[in-house]
Protein backbone atom coordinates (compact mmCIF):
# COMPACT_ATOMS: atom_id res chain seq x y z
CA MET A 1 28.50 55.05 -33.39
CA ILE A 2 29.32 51.49 -33.64
CA GLU A 3 32.49 50.22 -35.57
CA THR A 4 31.62 48.87 -39.04
CA LYS A 5 33.65 46.11 -38.10
CA THR A 6 32.67 44.89 -34.82
CA LYS A 7 32.60 40.99 -34.96
CA LYS A 8 29.77 40.59 -31.93
CA ILE A 9 26.72 39.29 -32.48
CA ILE A 10 23.73 39.99 -29.87
CA THR A 11 21.53 37.58 -29.07
CA LEU A 12 17.89 38.28 -28.46
CA ASP A 13 15.64 35.51 -27.15
CA LEU A 14 12.21 36.76 -27.34
CA GLY A 15 10.11 33.63 -26.40
CA LEU A 16 7.07 33.29 -27.85
CA LYS A 17 5.69 36.26 -30.00
CA SER A 18 3.13 37.37 -32.48
CA TYR A 19 4.26 37.51 -36.32
CA LYS A 20 3.35 41.16 -36.50
CA GLU A 21 5.15 42.05 -33.41
CA VAL A 22 8.56 40.88 -34.77
CA TRP A 23 8.24 41.93 -38.34
CA ASP A 24 7.90 45.35 -37.08
CA LEU A 25 10.50 45.21 -34.97
CA GLN A 26 13.05 43.61 -37.54
CA LYS A 27 12.09 46.57 -40.02
CA GLU A 28 13.20 48.72 -37.07
CA MET A 29 16.73 47.01 -36.14
CA GLN A 30 17.33 46.85 -39.98
CA GLN A 31 17.15 50.28 -40.38
CA GLN A 32 18.85 51.00 -37.19
CA ARG A 33 21.69 48.12 -38.29
CA ILE A 34 22.10 50.29 -41.93
CA LYS A 35 22.71 53.63 -39.83
CA GLY A 36 24.88 51.94 -37.47
CA LYS A 37 23.36 52.59 -34.53
CA ILE A 38 22.95 49.01 -33.37
CA GLU A 39 25.23 45.69 -33.28
CA ASP A 40 24.47 43.12 -35.48
CA THR A 41 21.80 40.98 -33.88
CA LEU A 42 20.38 37.23 -33.91
CA ILE A 43 16.72 37.19 -32.69
CA LEU A 44 15.54 33.90 -31.64
CA VAL A 45 11.56 33.07 -31.67
CA GLU A 46 8.88 31.20 -31.77
CA HIS A 47 5.54 32.49 -32.97
CA GLU A 48 1.98 31.94 -32.71
CA PRO A 49 0.11 29.89 -35.58
CA VAL A 50 0.34 31.99 -38.98
CA TYR A 51 1.09 31.50 -42.42
CA THR A 52 3.52 33.75 -44.57
CA LEU A 53 3.89 34.55 -48.28
CA GLY A 54 7.17 35.67 -49.55
CA LYS A 55 7.20 38.34 -52.32
CA ASN A 56 6.91 35.59 -55.12
CA ALA A 57 4.78 33.56 -53.49
CA ASP A 58 1.66 31.68 -55.18
CA GLU A 59 -1.36 32.25 -53.37
CA ASN A 60 -3.14 29.06 -55.28
CA HIS A 61 -0.37 27.37 -52.71
CA LEU A 62 -2.54 28.56 -49.81
CA LEU A 63 -5.12 25.98 -49.39
CA GLN A 64 -9.13 26.32 -49.18
CA SER A 65 -8.76 23.17 -46.87
CA ARG A 66 -6.26 25.26 -43.88
CA ASP A 67 -7.41 26.53 -40.45
CA GLU A 68 -8.91 29.63 -41.23
CA SER A 69 -8.14 31.10 -37.62
CA VAL A 70 -4.69 30.98 -39.02
CA ASN A 71 -3.34 34.74 -40.12
CA ILE A 72 -1.72 35.42 -43.20
CA PHE A 73 0.94 37.86 -44.07
CA ASN A 74 2.05 38.82 -47.24
CA ILE A 75 5.94 39.82 -46.80
CA GLU A 76 9.19 41.14 -48.58
CA ARG A 77 11.28 37.75 -47.74
CA GLY A 78 12.21 36.04 -50.92
CA GLY A 79 10.84 32.62 -51.36
CA ASP A 80 7.07 31.11 -51.27
CA ILE A 81 4.77 30.16 -48.44
CA THR A 82 5.39 28.92 -45.12
CA PHE A 83 4.27 28.45 -41.38
CA HIS A 84 5.69 29.65 -38.60
CA GLY A 85 3.94 28.03 -34.78
CA PRO A 86 5.02 27.32 -31.35
CA GLY A 87 7.57 24.47 -31.11
CA GLN A 88 9.53 26.27 -34.18
CA LEU A 89 12.73 27.74 -33.71
CA VAL A 90 12.97 30.90 -36.32
CA GLY A 91 15.94 32.93 -36.39
CA TYR A 92 16.28 36.34 -37.47
CA PRO A 93 19.87 37.29 -38.11
CA ILE A 94 20.25 41.44 -38.37
CA LEU A 95 23.45 41.08 -39.96
CA ASP A 96 25.89 43.86 -42.18
CA LEU A 97 27.11 41.45 -44.93
CA SER A 98 29.83 44.07 -44.93
CA ASN A 99 31.43 42.73 -41.60
CA TYR A 100 31.25 39.35 -43.67
CA LYS A 101 31.02 38.88 -47.23
CA LYS A 102 29.18 40.68 -49.75
CA SER A 103 27.18 37.17 -50.84
CA VAL A 104 23.46 36.49 -50.94
CA SER A 105 24.14 33.13 -52.20
CA TRP A 106 26.81 32.47 -49.41
CA TYR A 107 24.68 33.99 -46.64
CA MET A 108 22.04 31.45 -47.71
CA ARG A 109 24.63 28.83 -47.50
CA ILE A 110 25.52 29.84 -44.21
CA LEU A 111 22.18 29.29 -42.81
CA GLU A 112 21.67 26.33 -43.93
CA GLN A 113 24.91 24.93 -43.04
CA VAL A 114 23.84 26.19 -38.92
CA THR A 115 20.63 24.37 -39.29
CA ILE A 116 22.68 21.08 -40.56
CA ASP A 117 24.85 21.57 -37.74
CA VAL A 118 22.07 21.61 -35.57
CA ILE A 119 20.24 18.72 -36.30
CA ALA A 120 23.82 16.69 -36.49
CA GLU A 121 23.65 17.00 -32.87
CA PHE A 122 20.86 15.21 -32.44
CA GLY A 123 22.45 12.16 -34.44
CA ILE A 124 20.30 13.21 -37.46
CA ASN A 125 21.79 13.50 -40.95
CA SER A 126 20.49 16.40 -43.00
CA SER A 127 21.18 17.78 -46.48
CA ARG A 128 20.67 20.63 -48.54
CA ILE A 129 18.80 19.29 -52.18
CA GLU A 130 20.06 20.75 -55.61
CA GLY A 131 17.63 23.63 -57.06
CA LEU A 132 15.76 24.14 -53.61
CA THR A 133 16.23 26.19 -50.32
CA GLY A 134 16.21 24.82 -47.24
CA VAL A 135 17.58 21.78 -45.18
CA TRP A 136 16.08 18.13 -45.81
CA VAL A 137 16.14 14.58 -43.73
CA GLY A 138 15.56 12.21 -46.78
CA ASP A 139 12.30 13.96 -48.71
CA GLU A 140 11.31 15.82 -46.09
CA LYS A 141 12.30 19.41 -45.08
CA ILE A 142 13.22 20.20 -41.46
CA ALA A 143 14.35 23.65 -41.56
CA ALA A 144 12.97 26.49 -43.93
CA GLN A 145 14.56 30.24 -45.04
CA GLY A 146 14.17 33.25 -47.02
CA VAL A 147 15.68 36.86 -46.36
CA ARG A 148 15.22 40.43 -47.49
CA ILE A 149 18.73 42.10 -47.54
CA SER A 150 19.02 45.96 -48.06
CA ARG A 151 22.24 48.12 -48.20
CA TRP A 152 23.80 44.70 -47.43
CA VAL A 153 21.73 44.47 -44.22
CA THR A 154 19.54 41.18 -43.78
CA MET A 155 16.55 40.68 -42.29
CA HIS A 156 14.29 37.54 -41.79
CA GLY A 157 15.95 34.51 -41.88
CA PHE A 158 15.65 30.52 -41.03
CA ALA A 159 13.15 28.42 -39.25
CA LEU A 160 13.50 25.05 -37.58
CA ASN A 161 11.33 22.64 -36.87
CA VAL A 162 11.39 21.14 -33.27
CA ASN A 163 8.01 20.48 -31.94
CA THR A 164 6.41 21.96 -34.26
CA ASP A 165 2.52 20.70 -34.80
CA LEU A 166 2.85 19.35 -38.46
CA SER A 167 -0.63 19.40 -39.31
CA PHE A 168 -0.41 23.20 -39.99
CA TYR A 169 1.07 22.47 -43.08
CA ASP A 170 -1.58 20.29 -44.00
CA GLY A 171 -3.51 23.86 -45.53
CA ILE A 172 -0.32 24.99 -47.49
CA ILE A 173 1.82 23.68 -50.31
CA PRO A 174 5.17 24.13 -48.20
CA CYS A 175 7.34 26.42 -50.08
CA GLY A 176 5.42 25.71 -53.28
CA ILE A 177 6.77 22.09 -53.26
CA PHE A 178 4.59 19.72 -54.03
CA GLU A 179 6.59 16.64 -54.21
CA TYR A 180 8.35 16.42 -51.01
CA GLY A 181 6.86 16.31 -47.29
CA VAL A 182 7.84 18.23 -43.64
CA THR A 183 9.18 16.65 -40.71
CA SER A 184 10.98 17.70 -37.31
CA LEU A 185 12.90 17.09 -34.68
CA GLU A 186 10.39 15.53 -32.14
CA GLN A 187 8.50 13.55 -35.26
CA LEU A 188 12.42 11.98 -35.68
CA LEU A 189 13.09 11.45 -32.83
CA GLY A 190 9.75 9.95 -31.28
CA GLU A 191 9.63 12.72 -28.54
CA LYS A 192 9.52 16.74 -28.20
CA GLN A 193 12.96 17.86 -27.65
CA ASP A 194 14.33 20.55 -25.31
CA LEU A 195 14.05 23.70 -27.20
CA LYS A 196 16.36 25.92 -24.69
CA LYS A 197 18.95 23.25 -25.82
CA VAL A 198 17.93 23.91 -29.48
CA LYS A 199 18.50 27.53 -29.06
CA ARG A 200 22.00 27.24 -27.29
CA ILE A 201 23.10 24.92 -30.12
CA VAL A 202 21.84 27.06 -32.86
CA ILE A 203 23.78 30.05 -31.07
CA GLU A 204 26.94 28.21 -31.09
CA LYS A 205 27.11 27.15 -34.46
CA PHE A 206 25.75 30.49 -35.85
CA ASN A 207 28.57 31.75 -34.09
CA PHE A 208 30.92 29.44 -35.36
CA HIS A 209 29.85 29.60 -38.93
CA LEU A 210 30.38 33.65 -38.77
CA LYS A 211 33.61 33.32 -37.07
CA VAL A 212 32.47 35.75 -34.41
CA GLU A 213 35.03 36.15 -31.27
CA ASN A 214 31.80 36.55 -28.74
CA GLU A 215 28.15 37.00 -28.17
CA LYS A 216 25.54 38.17 -24.99
CA ILE A 217 21.98 37.20 -24.74
CA VAL A 218 19.80 40.07 -24.01
């Protein structure tokens, strides 16, 4: 049995995996964390192309012009519709917030701040937009997030566009927001970025904001 107040976060780097496989893994790990059988874990992964609709999503935001070869999943996180695909770094923290702060809004702001700080390492200023979730560069979204919390244990998380093929967003109204676009580090910097470097920075910033003393990579 793991002590409730552990401050270790394991990083699980899965590489490129299908959405369904990792979704099932998250659900299993959330239940294991609720039971105290595993430690807090940050899953990092890229997905094969997929559209996901949150529990409050409007299916009209999935456009008829989309690439119909892309799989669609209705899932239990908050938020509307989004895209995941290669070149996008997705983070799924499986955390017991009892170890940190029992506040959904606090946790969402932490996830935003992690990505803001990661993006700053590349010389780019990003910010929040009042009333909206995620991180923006000007009027373009670069990082999305949506979570599900059960007994204060989290699943789902955040997605940062690094080298993402942004044309997939043409098939949806991302997050149900009509008036803003999407961007990526590659688009902003004019060249593909080293995803391994981005992962290292994400781990560093994530652990910093959650004030953990150590972590290990599996």
